[in-house]
Amino acid sequence: MGIIRLPSIISSVKQFHKLHSVLMRNQISNDVPKGHFAVYVGETEKKKKRYVVPIAYLNQTSFQELLQKAEEEFGYQHSMGGLTIPCNEDAFFHVTSRLNTCS
């Protein structure tokens, strides 16, 4: 039998709930289609742009790496009021275009 590590499961659940609350606040306050969420992408405040992406991206490893980068930089306190991904637009387009190709 495998060993279940309760602290890591609890941590993952807490992170999911925090992300879910950010996404739901974002979805309620903006016109975001069902099954999607908005993200702000950019390395500086002035250059951040808003994009709407499918929730299915949350299951993809490459997109999860972007989310980890966001968590490291901002935690769950995003100044734009929504999920902010601190990377340049080219890197974001590279990841999302690969995800679009795969689906």
Protein backbone atom coordinates (compact mmCIF):
# COMPACT_ATOMS: atom_id res chain seq x y z
CA MET A 1 0.00 0.00 0.00
CA GLY A 2 1.10 3.52 -0.73
CA ILE A 3 1.76 6.06 1.94
CA ILE A 4 -0.64 8.99 1.98
CA ARG A 5 0.98 12.21 3.05
CA LEU A 6 -1.78 14.13 4.72
CA PRO A 7 0.09 17.46 5.14
CA SER A 8 0.84 17.67 1.39
CA ILE A 9 -2.78 16.80 0.54
CA ILE A 10 -4.06 19.45 2.96
CA SER A 11 -1.64 22.00 1.51
CA SER A 12 -2.80 21.22 -2.02
CA VAL A 13 -6.45 21.56 -1.01
CA LYS A 14 -5.78 24.91 0.69
CA GLN A 15 -3.96 26.18 -2.41
CA PHE A 16 -6.83 25.05 -4.62
CA HIS A 17 -9.37 26.85 -2.44
CA LYS A 18 -7.32 30.06 -2.45
CA LEU A 19 -6.95 29.93 -6.24
CA HIS A 20 -10.63 29.09 -6.63
CA SER A 21 -11.65 32.12 -4.53
CA VAL A 22 -9.43 34.41 -6.63
CA LEU A 23 -10.91 32.99 -9.83
CA MET A 24 -14.49 33.27 -8.59
CA ARG A 25 -14.04 36.90 -7.49
CA ASN A 26 -12.51 37.59 -10.87
CA GLN A 27 -15.31 35.84 -12.73
CA ILE A 28 -18.07 37.60 -10.80
CA SER A 29 -16.60 41.08 -11.25
CA ASN A 30 -15.94 40.77 -14.99
CA ASP A 31 -17.64 39.39 -18.06
CA VAL A 32 -15.79 36.10 -18.32
CA PRO A 33 -17.45 33.23 -20.19
CA LYS A 34 -18.36 30.14 -18.22
CA GLY A 35 -15.47 27.66 -18.22
CA HIS A 36 -12.85 30.42 -18.48
CA PHE A 37 -10.99 32.79 -16.18
CA ALA A 38 -9.12 36.03 -16.63
CA VAL A 39 -5.41 36.49 -16.02
CA TYR A 40 -3.20 39.54 -16.21
CA VAL A 41 0.09 38.95 -17.97
CA GLY A 42 3.13 41.20 -17.90
CA GLU A 43 6.36 41.91 -16.12
CA THR A 44 5.54 45.51 -15.12
CA GLU A 45 2.34 47.17 -13.89
CA LYS A 46 2.06 49.41 -16.95
CA LYS A 47 2.45 46.57 -19.43
CA LYS A 48 0.02 44.07 -17.92
CA LYS A 49 -2.72 42.92 -20.26
CA ARG A 50 -5.84 40.91 -19.50
CA TYR A 51 -6.45 37.56 -21.19
CA VAL A 52 -9.30 35.08 -20.81
CA VAL A 53 -8.21 31.44 -20.84
CA PRO A 54 -10.03 28.11 -20.47
CA ILE A 55 -10.17 26.56 -17.00
CA ALA A 56 -8.86 23.34 -18.60
CA TYR A 57 -5.42 25.01 -18.67
CA LEU A 58 -5.24 24.53 -14.89
CA ASN A 59 -4.65 20.81 -15.46
CA GLN A 60 -1.68 21.38 -17.77
CA THR A 61 1.86 21.17 -16.37
CA SER A 62 3.19 24.08 -18.43
CA PHE A 63 0.41 26.39 -17.22
CA GLN A 64 0.87 25.18 -13.63
CA GLU A 65 4.50 26.31 -13.89
CA LEU A 66 3.28 29.82 -14.73
CA LEU A 67 0.94 29.68 -11.73
CA GLN A 68 3.81 28.62 -9.45
CA LYS A 69 5.81 31.60 -10.69
CA ALA A 70 2.84 33.84 -9.87
CA GLU A 71 2.51 32.32 -6.40
CA GLU A 72 6.22 32.83 -5.69
CA GLU A 73 6.02 36.49 -6.67
CA PHE A 74 2.59 37.52 -5.40
CA GLY A 75 1.27 34.80 -3.12
CA TYR A 76 -2.50 35.17 -3.34
CA GLN A 77 -2.53 38.98 -3.07
CA HIS A 78 -2.68 40.19 -6.66
CA SER A 79 -2.67 43.96 -7.09
CA MET A 80 -4.75 43.86 -10.26
CA GLY A 81 -7.63 42.17 -8.43
CA GLY A 82 -7.25 39.05 -10.52
CA LEU A 83 -4.68 36.37 -11.11
CA THR A 84 -1.44 37.99 -12.32
CA ILE A 85 1.21 35.98 -14.15
CA PRO A 86 4.62 37.69 -14.01
CA CYS A 87 6.05 36.79 -17.40
CA ASN A 88 6.35 38.52 -20.73
CA GLU A 89 3.56 38.11 -23.25
CA ASP A 90 5.73 36.11 -25.64
CA ALA A 91 6.33 33.42 -23.01
CA PHE A 92 2.60 33.36 -22.17
CA PHE A 93 1.69 33.05 -25.86
CA HIS A 94 4.23 30.25 -26.29
CA VAL A 95 2.69 28.22 -23.44
CA THR A 96 -0.94 28.87 -24.41
CA SER A 97 -0.37 28.24 -28.12
CA ARG A 98 1.12 24.82 -27.28
CA LEU A 99 -1.90 24.11 -25.08
CA ASN A 100 -4.27 25.16 -27.87
CA THR A 101 -2.47 22.88 -30.30
CA CYS A 102 -2.75 19.92 -27.93
CA SER A 103 -6.49 20.32 -27.33
